[in-house]
């Protein structure tokens, strides 16, 4: 009986991991990096083909629910320990957590953060207004991607910002993946794509794509 109860708890934990990952719009490989296992192991856990060993169970619990069963704390923990270029923001645009690449000093955000300032970079202003509307709107899971070209020291660069906006623990938050790099094309338009998702985050309900001149 004890074995059956433990098995059921482990199965429930794997289901909770999958549901949390989908709601947070995170890929299996991102979760794998955080937990220190292979992506294939995450797949086996989520599909029920394998169950986590005792030393993995506490790590999964902390990731999904946090040390005090707080899902927001768990998401902050994930971002803080991630090697991806991630930021976690609240509905006032305060940074709740930075991933490892953005914890170093200097970091890309220190160098290029002005690009995401609608006052210093007017080309970003319309996309920023729309982002604030979505961030402050109640309910729903919304994906928003922004490609923002800019010039730095006479060279063409771009900022690619992937936002997932949703409510967690009663708080509206944005999980943002922000990558700066040399521009891969001559396209100088600001591009915005908006995707509305169901509660599991895997069904597209509508897509909005628009662009505008972005030359600085």
N, C-alpha and C. Protein backbone atom coordinates (compact mmCIF):
# COMPACT_ATOMS: atom_id res chain seq x y z
N UNK A 1 0.82 -1.20 0.00
CA UNK A 1 0.00 0.00 0.00
C UNK A 1 0.86 1.26 0.00
N UNK A 2 1.95 1.23 0.78
CA UNK A 2 2.84 2.38 0.81
C UNK A 2 3.45 2.62 -0.57
N UNK A 3 3.83 1.51 -1.25
CA UNK A 3 4.40 1.63 -2.58
C UNK A 3 3.40 2.26 -3.54
N UNK A 4 2.14 1.81 -3.47
CA UNK A 4 1.11 2.35 -4.36
C UNK A 4 0.91 3.84 -4.11
N UNK A 5 0.93 4.26 -2.83
CA UNK A 5 0.73 5.66 -2.52
C UNK A 5 1.90 6.51 -3.03
N UNK A 6 3.13 6.00 -2.83
CA UNK A 6 4.29 6.73 -3.31
C UNK A 6 4.28 6.83 -4.84
N UNK A 7 3.89 5.75 -5.50
CA UNK A 7 3.83 5.75 -6.96
C UNK A 7 2.82 6.78 -7.46
N UNK A 8 1.68 6.85 -6.80
CA UNK A 8 0.65 7.81 -7.19
C UNK A 8 1.14 9.24 -7.00
N UNK A 9 1.86 9.49 -5.89
CA UNK A 9 2.37 10.83 -5.63
C UNK A 9 3.41 11.24 -6.68
N UNK A 10 4.26 10.29 -7.07
CA UNK A 10 5.27 10.59 -8.07
C UNK A 10 4.63 10.85 -9.43
N UNK A 11 3.58 10.07 -9.75
CA UNK A 11 2.87 10.28 -11.02
C UNK A 11 2.20 11.65 -11.03
N UNK A 12 1.59 12.03 -9.91
CA UNK A 12 0.96 13.35 -9.80
C UNK A 12 1.99 14.46 -9.94
N UNK A 13 3.17 14.25 -9.38
CA UNK A 13 4.24 15.25 -9.47
C UNK A 13 4.67 15.44 -10.91
N UNK A 14 4.77 14.35 -11.67
CA UNK A 14 5.16 14.44 -13.08
C UNK A 14 4.09 15.17 -13.89
N UNK A 15 2.83 14.93 -13.57
CA UNK A 15 1.74 15.64 -14.26
C UNK A 15 1.78 17.13 -13.93
N UNK A 16 2.09 17.43 -12.66
CA UNK A 16 2.19 18.84 -12.25
C UNK A 16 3.36 19.53 -12.95
N UNK A 17 4.46 18.80 -13.13
CA UNK A 17 5.61 19.36 -13.84
C UNK A 17 5.24 19.73 -15.27
N UNK A 18 4.56 18.83 -15.96
CA UNK A 18 4.17 19.09 -17.35
C UNK A 18 3.20 20.28 -17.43
N UNK A 19 2.19 20.31 -16.54
CA UNK A 19 1.21 21.39 -16.56
C UNK A 19 1.89 22.73 -16.29
N UNK A 20 2.80 22.76 -15.30
CA UNK A 20 3.48 24.02 -14.98
C UNK A 20 4.37 24.46 -16.14
N UNK A 21 5.07 23.52 -16.76
CA UNK A 21 5.95 23.86 -17.88
C UNK A 21 5.15 24.45 -19.03
N UNK A 22 4.00 23.85 -19.35
CA UNK A 22 3.18 24.33 -20.46
C UNK A 22 2.60 25.70 -20.15
N UNK A 23 2.11 25.89 -18.93
CA UNK A 23 1.57 27.20 -18.56
C UNK A 23 2.63 28.28 -18.65
N UNK A 24 3.86 27.92 -18.31
CA UNK A 24 4.96 28.88 -18.32
C UNK A 24 5.60 29.02 -19.68
N UNK A 25 5.13 28.23 -20.67
CA UNK A 25 5.64 28.29 -22.05
C UNK A 25 7.15 28.02 -22.07
N UNK A 26 7.56 26.99 -21.34
CA UNK A 26 8.96 26.60 -21.29
C UNK A 26 9.15 25.29 -22.03
N UNK A 27 10.26 25.14 -22.71
CA UNK A 27 10.56 23.91 -23.43
C UNK A 27 11.17 22.89 -22.47
N UNK A 28 11.08 21.63 -22.89
CA UNK A 28 11.62 20.58 -22.04
C UNK A 28 13.11 20.74 -21.81
N UNK A 29 13.84 21.21 -22.82
CA UNK A 29 15.29 21.34 -22.64
C UNK A 29 15.63 22.41 -21.62
N UNK A 30 14.78 23.45 -21.50
CA UNK A 30 15.01 24.48 -20.49
C UNK A 30 14.83 23.91 -19.08
N UNK A 31 13.79 23.10 -18.90
CA UNK A 31 13.56 22.46 -17.61
C UNK A 31 14.70 21.50 -17.29
N UNK A 32 15.16 20.78 -18.31
CA UNK A 32 16.24 19.82 -18.12
C UNK A 32 17.50 20.50 -17.61
N UNK A 33 17.83 21.67 -18.17
CA UNK A 33 19.01 22.40 -17.72
C UNK A 33 18.89 22.80 -16.27
N UNK A 34 17.70 23.22 -15.88
CA UNK A 34 17.50 23.67 -14.51
C UNK A 34 17.61 22.51 -13.52
N UNK A 35 17.12 21.32 -13.92
CA UNK A 35 17.11 20.17 -13.03
C UNK A 35 18.37 19.33 -13.16
N UNK A 36 19.21 19.64 -14.15
CA UNK A 36 20.46 18.91 -14.31
C UNK A 36 20.29 17.51 -14.87
N UNK A 37 19.28 17.34 -15.74
CA UNK A 37 19.06 16.04 -16.38
C UNK A 37 18.96 16.25 -17.88
N UNK A 38 18.87 15.14 -18.63
CA UNK A 38 18.72 15.22 -20.08
C UNK A 38 17.29 15.57 -20.45
N UNK A 39 17.12 16.20 -21.63
CA UNK A 39 15.78 16.53 -22.11
C UNK A 39 14.93 15.27 -22.25
N UNK A 40 15.55 14.17 -22.67
CA UNK A 40 14.81 12.91 -22.83
C UNK A 40 14.24 12.42 -21.50
N UNK A 41 14.93 12.74 -20.39
CA UNK A 41 14.42 12.34 -19.07
C UNK A 41 13.16 13.12 -18.73
N UNK A 42 13.14 14.41 -19.04
CA UNK A 42 11.92 15.20 -18.81
C UNK A 42 10.77 14.61 -19.61
N UNK A 43 11.03 14.23 -20.86
CA UNK A 43 10.00 13.64 -21.71
C UNK A 43 9.46 12.35 -21.11
N UNK A 44 10.34 11.51 -20.57
CA UNK A 44 9.89 10.25 -19.98
C UNK A 44 9.07 10.48 -18.72
N UNK A 45 9.47 11.47 -17.92
CA UNK A 45 8.68 11.78 -16.73
C UNK A 45 7.29 12.27 -17.12
N UNK A 46 7.23 13.21 -18.04
CA UNK A 46 5.95 13.81 -18.40
C UNK A 46 5.01 12.81 -19.06
N UNK A 47 5.56 11.86 -19.79
CA UNK A 47 4.72 10.88 -20.48
C UNK A 47 4.35 9.70 -19.59
N UNK A 48 4.96 9.61 -18.42
CA UNK A 48 4.68 8.50 -17.52
C UNK A 48 5.49 7.26 -17.79
N UNK A 49 6.44 7.34 -18.72
CA UNK A 49 7.26 6.18 -19.02
C UNK A 49 8.32 5.93 -17.95
N UNK A 50 8.56 6.92 -17.13
CA UNK A 50 9.56 6.80 -16.07
C UNK A 50 9.13 7.68 -14.91
N UNK A 51 9.58 7.38 -13.72
CA UNK A 51 9.27 8.18 -12.54
C UNK A 51 10.56 8.72 -11.95
N UNK A 52 10.52 9.92 -11.40
CA UNK A 52 11.75 10.50 -10.83
C UNK A 52 12.24 9.72 -9.63
N UNK A 53 13.56 9.69 -9.50
CA UNK A 53 14.16 9.04 -8.34
C UNK A 53 14.10 9.99 -7.14
N UNK A 54 14.30 9.45 -5.94
CA UNK A 54 14.14 10.30 -4.75
C UNK A 54 14.93 11.60 -4.79
N UNK A 55 16.16 11.57 -5.32
CA UNK A 55 16.96 12.80 -5.31
C UNK A 55 16.45 13.83 -6.32
N UNK A 56 15.58 13.40 -7.27
CA UNK A 56 14.99 14.33 -8.23
C UNK A 56 13.68 14.94 -7.73
N UNK A 57 13.01 14.21 -6.83
CA UNK A 57 11.66 14.61 -6.44
C UNK A 57 11.64 15.97 -5.78
N UNK A 58 12.56 16.22 -4.84
CA UNK A 58 12.57 17.51 -4.14
C UNK A 58 12.90 18.64 -5.10
N UNK A 59 13.80 18.39 -6.06
CA UNK A 59 14.15 19.43 -7.03
C UNK A 59 12.94 19.79 -7.89
N UNK A 60 12.16 18.78 -8.28
CA UNK A 60 10.96 19.06 -9.08
C UNK A 60 9.93 19.82 -8.25
N UNK A 61 9.76 19.41 -7.00
CA UNK A 61 8.81 20.11 -6.13
C UNK A 61 9.19 21.59 -5.96
N UNK A 62 10.47 21.84 -5.74
CA UNK A 62 10.91 23.23 -5.58
C UNK A 62 10.70 24.02 -6.86
N UNK A 63 10.89 23.37 -8.01
CA UNK A 63 10.72 24.05 -9.28
C UNK A 63 9.27 24.39 -9.54
N UNK A 64 8.39 23.43 -9.30
CA UNK A 64 6.97 23.61 -9.62
C UNK A 64 6.24 24.44 -8.57
N UNK A 65 6.55 24.20 -7.31
CA UNK A 65 5.81 24.86 -6.24
C UNK A 65 6.65 25.76 -5.36
N UNK A 66 7.97 25.70 -5.49
CA UNK A 66 8.81 26.49 -4.62
C UNK A 66 8.96 25.83 -3.26
N UNK A 67 9.93 26.26 -2.46
CA UNK A 67 10.15 25.65 -1.15
C UNK A 67 8.99 25.82 -0.20
N UNK A 68 8.11 26.78 -0.46
CA UNK A 68 6.95 26.99 0.40
C UNK A 68 5.65 26.82 -0.39
N UNK A 69 5.71 25.96 -1.42
CA UNK A 69 4.54 25.69 -2.26
C UNK A 69 4.00 26.97 -2.90
N UNK A 70 4.88 27.89 -3.21
CA UNK A 70 4.52 29.16 -3.83
C UNK A 70 4.91 29.11 -5.30
N UNK A 71 3.95 29.05 -6.23
CA UNK A 71 4.31 28.92 -7.65
C UNK A 71 5.10 30.11 -8.19
N UNK A 72 4.85 31.31 -7.68
CA UNK A 72 5.61 32.46 -8.12
C UNK A 72 7.06 32.35 -7.66
N UNK A 73 7.26 31.88 -6.45
CA UNK A 73 8.61 31.67 -5.94
C UNK A 73 9.33 30.61 -6.76
N UNK A 74 8.58 29.59 -7.18
CA UNK A 74 9.17 28.54 -8.01
C UNK A 74 9.62 29.10 -9.36
N UNK A 75 8.80 29.97 -9.94
CA UNK A 75 9.18 30.56 -11.23
C UNK A 75 10.39 31.47 -11.06
N UNK A 76 10.45 32.21 -9.98
CA UNK A 76 11.63 33.04 -9.71
C UNK A 76 12.87 32.17 -9.54
N UNK A 77 12.70 31.05 -8.86
CA UNK A 77 13.81 30.12 -8.67
C UNK A 77 14.30 29.59 -10.01
N UNK A 78 13.34 29.25 -10.89
CA UNK A 78 13.72 28.75 -12.21
C UNK A 78 14.52 29.78 -12.99
N UNK A 79 14.01 31.02 -13.03
CA UNK A 79 14.67 32.07 -13.80
C UNK A 79 16.06 32.34 -13.23
N UNK A 80 16.17 32.46 -11.93
CA UNK A 80 17.45 32.78 -11.29
C UNK A 80 18.52 31.75 -11.60
N UNK A 81 18.13 30.49 -11.76
CA UNK A 81 19.10 29.42 -11.98
C UNK A 81 19.22 29.00 -13.45
N UNK A 82 18.54 29.72 -14.34
CA UNK A 82 18.56 29.36 -15.75
C UNK A 82 19.77 29.96 -16.46
N UNK A 83 20.30 29.23 -17.43
CA UNK A 83 21.39 29.75 -18.26
C UNK A 83 20.85 30.42 -19.52
N UNK A 84 19.54 30.42 -19.72
CA UNK A 84 18.93 31.15 -20.83
C UNK A 84 18.91 32.64 -20.50
N UNK A 85 18.61 33.45 -21.51
CA UNK A 85 18.56 34.90 -21.31
C UNK A 85 17.13 35.30 -20.92
N UNK A 86 16.82 35.15 -19.63
CA UNK A 86 15.46 35.32 -19.15
C UNK A 86 15.35 36.44 -18.12
N UNK A 87 14.18 37.09 -18.14
CA UNK A 87 13.79 38.05 -17.11
C UNK A 87 12.37 37.72 -16.68
N UNK A 88 12.08 37.91 -15.40
CA UNK A 88 10.72 37.78 -14.90
C UNK A 88 10.29 39.14 -14.40
N UNK A 89 9.18 39.66 -14.96
CA UNK A 89 8.71 41.01 -14.66
C UNK A 89 7.32 40.97 -14.06
N UNK A 90 7.01 41.93 -13.18
CA UNK A 90 5.64 42.04 -12.68
C UNK A 90 4.87 43.04 -13.54
N UNK A 91 3.62 43.31 -13.15
CA UNK A 91 2.78 44.16 -14.00
C UNK A 91 3.17 45.63 -13.94
N UNK A 92 4.15 45.98 -13.10
CA UNK A 92 4.68 47.34 -13.07
C UNK A 92 6.05 47.42 -13.75
N UNK A 93 6.43 46.33 -14.42
CA UNK A 93 7.70 46.20 -15.13
C UNK A 93 8.91 46.13 -14.21
N UNK A 94 8.68 45.86 -12.94
CA UNK A 94 9.79 45.62 -12.03
C UNK A 94 10.39 44.25 -12.32
N UNK A 95 11.70 44.15 -12.28
CA UNK A 95 12.37 42.87 -12.52
C UNK A 95 12.32 42.05 -11.24
N UNK A 96 11.62 40.92 -11.30
CA UNK A 96 11.51 40.04 -10.14
C UNK A 96 12.67 39.06 -10.07
N UNK A 97 13.19 38.69 -11.24
CA UNK A 97 14.31 37.73 -11.26
C UNK A 97 15.05 37.87 -12.58
N UNK A 98 16.35 37.62 -12.54
CA UNK A 98 17.21 37.62 -13.72
C UNK A 98 17.89 36.26 -13.82
N UNK A 99 18.05 35.78 -15.04
CA UNK A 99 18.78 34.54 -15.23
C UNK A 99 20.29 34.80 -15.12
N UNK A 100 21.06 33.74 -15.13
CA UNK A 100 22.50 33.85 -14.91
C UNK A 100 23.19 34.83 -15.87
N UNK A 101 22.88 34.81 -17.19
CA UNK A 101 23.56 35.75 -18.09
C UNK A 101 23.30 37.21 -17.75
N UNK A 102 22.16 37.50 -17.09
CA UNK A 102 21.84 38.88 -16.75
C UNK A 102 22.20 39.24 -15.31
N UNK A 103 22.82 38.31 -14.61
CA UNK A 103 23.28 38.60 -13.26
C UNK A 103 24.71 39.13 -13.24
N UNK A 104 25.47 38.82 -14.28
CA UNK A 104 26.86 39.29 -14.35
C UNK A 104 26.88 40.79 -14.60
N UNK A 105 28.01 41.40 -14.33
CA UNK A 105 28.16 42.83 -14.59
C UNK A 105 29.54 43.09 -15.21
N UNK A 106 29.55 43.70 -16.40
CA UNK A 106 28.39 44.16 -17.18
C UNK A 106 27.72 42.98 -17.89
N UNK A 107 26.49 43.23 -18.35
CA UNK A 107 25.75 42.22 -19.09
C UNK A 107 25.04 42.88 -20.26
N UNK A 108 24.45 42.10 -21.18
CA UNK A 108 23.83 42.70 -22.37
C UNK A 108 22.74 43.73 -22.05
N UNK A 109 22.04 43.54 -20.94
CA UNK A 109 20.99 44.50 -20.60
C UNK A 109 21.60 45.83 -20.19
N UNK A 110 22.75 45.81 -19.51
CA UNK A 110 23.43 47.05 -19.17
C UNK A 110 23.86 47.79 -20.44
N UNK A 111 24.29 47.04 -21.42
CA UNK A 111 24.84 47.62 -22.64
C UNK A 111 23.75 48.12 -23.58
N UNK A 112 22.68 47.34 -23.73
CA UNK A 112 21.67 47.66 -24.75
C UNK A 112 20.29 47.97 -24.18
N UNK A 113 20.18 48.09 -22.87
CA UNK A 113 18.87 48.30 -22.27
C UNK A 113 18.14 49.52 -22.79
N UNK A 114 18.87 50.51 -23.25
CA UNK A 114 18.24 51.74 -23.76
C UNK A 114 17.32 51.45 -24.94
N UNK A 115 17.57 50.36 -25.67
CA UNK A 115 16.75 50.02 -26.83
C UNK A 115 15.31 49.76 -26.41
N UNK A 116 15.10 49.28 -25.18
CA UNK A 116 13.77 48.95 -24.68
C UNK A 116 13.16 50.09 -23.88
N UNK A 117 13.75 51.27 -23.96
CA UNK A 117 13.22 52.46 -23.31
C UNK A 117 12.47 53.27 -24.36
N UNK A 118 11.13 53.38 -24.25
CA UNK A 118 10.36 54.07 -25.29
C UNK A 118 10.68 55.55 -25.42
N UNK A 119 11.29 56.15 -24.40
CA UNK A 119 11.67 57.56 -24.47
C UNK A 119 12.98 57.70 -25.23
N UNK A 120 13.96 56.90 -24.90
CA UNK A 120 15.26 56.96 -25.57
C UNK A 120 15.23 56.35 -26.96
N UNK A 121 14.29 55.43 -27.18
CA UNK A 121 14.16 54.77 -28.48
C UNK A 121 12.71 54.83 -28.92
N UNK A 122 12.27 55.92 -29.56
CA UNK A 122 10.87 56.08 -29.96
C UNK A 122 10.35 54.97 -30.87
N UNK A 123 11.23 54.29 -31.60
CA UNK A 123 10.79 53.21 -32.49
C UNK A 123 10.14 52.08 -31.70
N UNK A 124 10.50 51.95 -30.42
CA UNK A 124 9.95 50.89 -29.60
C UNK A 124 8.63 51.29 -28.93
N UNK A 125 8.29 52.57 -28.95
CA UNK A 125 7.15 53.08 -28.18
C UNK A 125 5.83 52.39 -28.50
N UNK A 126 5.42 52.23 -29.79
CA UNK A 126 4.12 51.57 -30.05
C UNK A 126 4.06 50.14 -29.53
N UNK A 127 5.13 49.37 -29.75
CA UNK A 127 5.17 48.00 -29.25
C UNK A 127 5.13 47.98 -27.74
N UNK A 128 5.79 48.94 -27.11
CA UNK A 128 5.80 49.02 -25.65
C UNK A 128 4.41 49.32 -25.11
N UNK A 129 3.68 50.21 -25.77
CA UNK A 129 2.31 50.52 -25.33
C UNK A 129 1.44 49.28 -25.39
N UNK A 130 1.57 48.54 -26.47
CA UNK A 130 0.76 47.33 -26.61
C UNK A 130 1.15 46.30 -25.55
N UNK A 131 2.42 46.18 -25.28
CA UNK A 131 2.90 45.26 -24.25
C UNK A 131 2.30 45.61 -22.89
N UNK A 132 2.26 46.91 -22.55
CA UNK A 132 1.69 47.32 -21.27
C UNK A 132 0.20 46.98 -21.19
N UNK A 133 -0.52 47.15 -22.31
CA UNK A 133 -1.94 46.80 -22.34
C UNK A 133 -2.13 45.32 -22.02
N UNK A 134 -1.31 44.49 -22.64
CA UNK A 134 -1.44 43.05 -22.43
C UNK A 134 -1.01 42.66 -21.02
N UNK A 135 0.04 43.29 -20.53
CA UNK A 135 0.55 42.96 -19.20
C UNK A 135 -0.45 43.32 -18.12
N UNK A 136 -1.20 44.38 -18.33
CA UNK A 136 -2.13 44.84 -17.31
C UNK A 136 -3.56 44.35 -17.52
N UNK A 137 -3.77 43.58 -18.60
CA UNK A 137 -5.10 43.03 -18.84
C UNK A 137 -5.30 41.79 -17.98
N UNK A 138 -6.51 41.57 -17.48
CA UNK A 138 -6.75 40.43 -16.58
C UNK A 138 -6.89 39.12 -17.35
N UNK A 139 -6.42 38.06 -16.73
CA UNK A 139 -6.67 36.71 -17.24
C UNK A 139 -6.03 36.40 -18.57
N UNK A 140 -6.07 35.12 -18.92
CA UNK A 140 -5.58 34.70 -20.22
C UNK A 140 -4.07 34.56 -20.29
N UNK A 141 -3.62 33.72 -21.21
CA UNK A 141 -2.20 33.55 -21.47
C UNK A 141 -1.91 34.14 -22.85
N UNK A 142 -0.97 35.04 -22.92
CA UNK A 142 -0.68 35.74 -24.16
C UNK A 142 0.80 35.64 -24.47
N UNK A 143 1.10 35.25 -25.67
CA UNK A 143 2.48 35.25 -26.14
C UNK A 143 2.70 36.46 -27.03
N UNK A 144 3.82 37.12 -26.87
CA UNK A 144 4.12 38.31 -27.65
C UNK A 144 5.60 38.29 -28.02
N UNK A 145 5.88 38.33 -29.31
CA UNK A 145 7.27 38.38 -29.75
C UNK A 145 7.53 39.70 -30.45
N UNK A 146 8.69 40.29 -30.17
CA UNK A 146 9.07 41.58 -30.73
C UNK A 146 10.47 41.46 -31.31
N UNK A 147 10.62 41.85 -32.55
CA UNK A 147 11.94 41.96 -33.16
C UNK A 147 12.22 43.43 -33.39
N UNK A 148 13.27 43.93 -32.77
CA UNK A 148 13.53 45.36 -32.73
C UNK A 148 14.93 45.65 -33.27
N UNK A 149 15.05 46.11 -34.51
CA UNK A 149 16.38 46.45 -35.05
C UNK A 149 16.87 47.78 -34.50
N UNK A 150 18.19 47.90 -34.38
CA UNK A 150 18.78 49.16 -33.94
C UNK A 150 20.24 49.21 -34.40
N UNK A 151 20.83 50.37 -34.27
CA UNK A 151 22.22 50.55 -34.65
C UNK A 151 23.08 50.78 -33.43
N UNK A 152 24.27 50.18 -33.44
CA UNK A 152 25.21 50.34 -32.34
C UNK A 152 26.61 50.46 -32.93
N UNK A 153 27.23 51.62 -32.67
CA UNK A 153 28.58 51.89 -33.17
C UNK A 153 28.68 51.64 -34.68
N UNK A 154 27.64 52.11 -35.39
CA UNK A 154 27.64 52.03 -36.84
C UNK A 154 27.29 50.67 -37.42
N UNK A 155 26.93 49.70 -36.58
CA UNK A 155 26.59 48.37 -37.06
C UNK A 155 25.13 48.06 -36.75
N UNK A 156 24.54 47.19 -37.58
CA UNK A 156 23.14 46.82 -37.42
C UNK A 156 23.00 45.69 -36.40
N UNK A 157 22.16 45.91 -35.41
CA UNK A 157 21.88 44.92 -34.38
C UNK A 157 20.37 44.70 -34.28
N UNK A 158 19.99 43.72 -33.51
CA UNK A 158 18.56 43.52 -33.25
C UNK A 158 18.37 42.96 -31.85
N UNK A 159 17.24 43.32 -31.27
CA UNK A 159 16.81 42.73 -29.99
C UNK A 159 15.60 41.87 -30.30
N UNK A 160 15.64 40.63 -29.87
CA UNK A 160 14.52 39.70 -30.06
C UNK A 160 13.96 39.39 -28.67
N UNK A 161 12.70 39.76 -28.49
CA UNK A 161 12.07 39.66 -27.18
C UNK A 161 10.85 38.75 -27.28
N UNK A 162 10.90 37.64 -26.56
CA UNK A 162 9.76 36.72 -26.52
C UNK A 162 9.11 36.77 -25.15
N UNK A 163 7.87 37.25 -25.10
CA UNK A 163 7.16 37.41 -23.83
C UNK A 163 6.05 36.38 -23.68
N UNK A 164 5.92 35.84 -22.49
CA UNK A 164 4.74 35.06 -22.13
C UNK A 164 4.11 35.74 -20.93
N UNK A 165 2.89 36.25 -21.12
CA UNK A 165 2.20 37.03 -20.11
C UNK A 165 1.05 36.20 -19.55
N UNK A 166 1.02 36.01 -18.25
CA UNK A 166 -0.07 35.24 -17.65
C UNK A 166 -0.15 35.55 -16.17
N UNK A 167 -1.13 34.96 -15.51
CA UNK A 167 -1.32 35.17 -14.08
C UNK A 167 -0.81 33.95 -13.33
N UNK A 168 -0.09 34.20 -12.26
CA UNK A 168 0.40 33.12 -11.42
C UNK A 168 0.32 33.57 -9.97
N UNK A 169 -0.32 32.74 -9.16
CA UNK A 169 -0.52 33.08 -7.75
C UNK A 169 -1.22 34.42 -7.59
N UNK A 170 -2.15 34.72 -8.51
CA UNK A 170 -2.91 35.96 -8.44
C UNK A 170 -2.16 37.19 -8.90
N UNK A 171 -0.97 37.02 -9.47
CA UNK A 171 -0.15 38.15 -9.91
C UNK A 171 0.06 38.05 -11.42
N UNK A 172 -0.11 39.16 -12.11
CA UNK A 172 0.14 39.20 -13.54
C UNK A 172 1.64 39.36 -13.76
N UNK A 173 2.25 38.43 -14.49
CA UNK A 173 3.70 38.46 -14.68
C UNK A 173 4.03 38.23 -16.15
N UNK A 174 5.27 38.55 -16.48
CA UNK A 174 5.77 38.32 -17.84
C UNK A 174 7.10 37.58 -17.73
N UNK A 175 7.16 36.43 -18.36
CA UNK A 175 8.41 35.70 -18.50
C UNK A 175 8.97 36.07 -19.86
N UNK A 176 10.11 36.76 -19.87
CA UNK A 176 10.66 37.31 -21.10
C UNK A 176 12.00 36.68 -21.43
N UNK A 177 12.14 36.23 -22.67
CA UNK A 177 13.44 35.80 -23.17
C UNK A 177 13.96 36.92 -24.07
N UNK A 178 15.09 37.51 -23.70
CA UNK A 178 15.62 38.69 -24.38
C UNK A 178 17.02 38.40 -24.89
N UNK A 179 17.18 38.47 -26.22
CA UNK A 179 18.46 38.17 -26.84
C UNK A 179 18.87 39.33 -27.74
N UNK A 180 20.07 39.84 -27.55
CA UNK A 180 20.65 40.87 -28.40
C UNK A 180 21.70 40.22 -29.29
N UNK A 181 21.75 40.66 -30.56
CA UNK A 181 22.76 40.11 -31.45
C UNK A 181 22.83 40.90 -32.75
N UNK A 182 23.86 40.68 -33.56
CA UNK A 182 23.96 41.34 -34.86
C UNK A 182 22.74 41.02 -35.72
N UNK A 183 22.27 42.00 -36.46
CA UNK A 183 21.11 41.80 -37.34
C UNK A 183 21.45 40.77 -38.41
N UNK A 184 20.48 39.91 -38.71
CA UNK A 184 20.70 38.86 -39.70
C UNK A 184 20.17 39.24 -41.08
N UNK A 185 19.58 40.41 -41.20
CA UNK A 185 19.06 40.85 -42.49
C UNK A 185 19.09 42.37 -42.54
N UNK A 186 18.71 42.91 -43.69
CA UNK A 186 18.67 44.36 -43.88
C UNK A 186 17.32 44.94 -43.46
N UNK A 187 16.41 44.09 -43.00
CA UNK A 187 15.09 44.55 -42.60
C UNK A 187 15.21 45.46 -41.38
N UNK A 188 14.66 46.67 -41.48
CA UNK A 188 14.77 47.64 -40.39
C UNK A 188 13.42 47.94 -39.75
N UNK A 189 12.45 47.03 -39.93
CA UNK A 189 11.13 47.23 -39.35
C UNK A 189 11.04 46.58 -37.98
N UNK A 190 10.28 47.22 -37.09
CA UNK A 190 9.92 46.62 -35.82
C UNK A 190 8.78 45.64 -36.09
N UNK A 191 8.94 44.40 -35.66
CA UNK A 191 7.93 43.38 -35.91
C UNK A 191 7.36 42.86 -34.60
N UNK A 192 6.05 42.74 -34.55
CA UNK A 192 5.37 42.28 -33.35
C UNK A 192 4.39 41.18 -33.73
N UNK A 193 4.47 40.08 -33.02
CA UNK A 193 3.51 38.99 -33.20
C UNK A 193 2.84 38.71 -31.87
N UNK A 194 1.53 38.55 -31.92
CA UNK A 194 0.75 38.37 -30.70
C UNK A 194 -0.03 37.06 -30.82
N UNK A 195 0.06 36.22 -29.81
CA UNK A 195 -0.61 34.93 -29.84
C UNK A 195 -1.37 34.74 -28.55
N UNK A 196 -2.66 34.42 -28.67
CA UNK A 196 -3.47 34.13 -27.48
C UNK A 196 -3.59 32.62 -27.35
N UNK A 197 -3.43 32.14 -26.11
CA UNK A 197 -3.36 30.71 -25.85
C UNK A 197 -4.45 30.28 -24.89
N UNK A 198 -4.75 28.99 -24.90
CA UNK A 198 -5.72 28.49 -23.93
C UNK A 198 -5.03 28.31 -22.58
N UNK A 199 -5.76 27.77 -21.61
CA UNK A 199 -5.24 27.69 -20.25
C UNK A 199 -4.02 26.79 -20.13
N UNK A 200 -3.84 25.86 -21.07
CA UNK A 200 -2.66 25.00 -21.06
C UNK A 200 -1.52 25.59 -21.86
N UNK A 201 -1.81 26.64 -22.62
CA UNK A 201 -0.76 27.30 -23.37
C UNK A 201 -0.39 26.62 -24.67
N UNK A 202 -1.23 25.70 -25.18
CA UNK A 202 -0.83 24.99 -26.39
C UNK A 202 -1.83 25.10 -27.53
N UNK A 203 -2.81 25.99 -27.46
CA UNK A 203 -3.77 26.19 -28.55
C UNK A 203 -3.79 27.65 -28.95
N UNK A 204 -3.51 27.91 -30.21
CA UNK A 204 -3.53 29.29 -30.68
C UNK A 204 -4.95 29.71 -31.02
N UNK A 205 -5.37 30.83 -30.46
CA UNK A 205 -6.72 31.32 -30.72
C UNK A 205 -6.72 32.46 -31.73
N UNK A 206 -5.71 33.27 -31.71
CA UNK A 206 -5.63 34.35 -32.68
C UNK A 206 -4.19 34.80 -32.80
N UNK A 207 -3.86 35.33 -33.95
CA UNK A 207 -2.51 35.82 -34.19
C UNK A 207 -2.60 37.21 -34.80
N UNK A 208 -1.81 38.09 -34.27
CA UNK A 208 -1.75 39.45 -34.81
C UNK A 208 -0.31 39.76 -35.14
N UNK A 209 -0.06 40.16 -36.37
CA UNK A 209 1.29 40.49 -36.79
C UNK A 209 1.28 41.86 -37.42
N UNK A 210 2.14 42.72 -36.96
CA UNK A 210 2.25 44.04 -37.56
C UNK A 210 3.67 44.51 -37.48
N UNK A 211 4.00 45.47 -38.32
CA UNK A 211 5.35 46.01 -38.28
C UNK A 211 5.29 47.50 -38.62
N UNK A 212 6.36 48.18 -38.34
CA UNK A 212 6.42 49.64 -38.54
C UNK A 212 7.88 50.01 -38.82
N UNK A 213 8.10 51.12 -39.46
CA UNK A 213 9.48 51.56 -39.68
C UNK A 213 10.21 51.71 -38.36
N UNK A 214 11.44 51.16 -38.30
CA UNK A 214 12.16 51.19 -37.04
C UNK A 214 13.53 51.82 -37.14
N UNK A 215 13.83 52.51 -38.24
CA UNK A 215 15.15 53.09 -38.39
C UNK A 215 15.38 54.17 -37.34
N UNK A 216 16.51 54.10 -36.68
CA UNK A 216 16.82 55.06 -35.63
C UNK A 216 17.55 56.28 -36.19
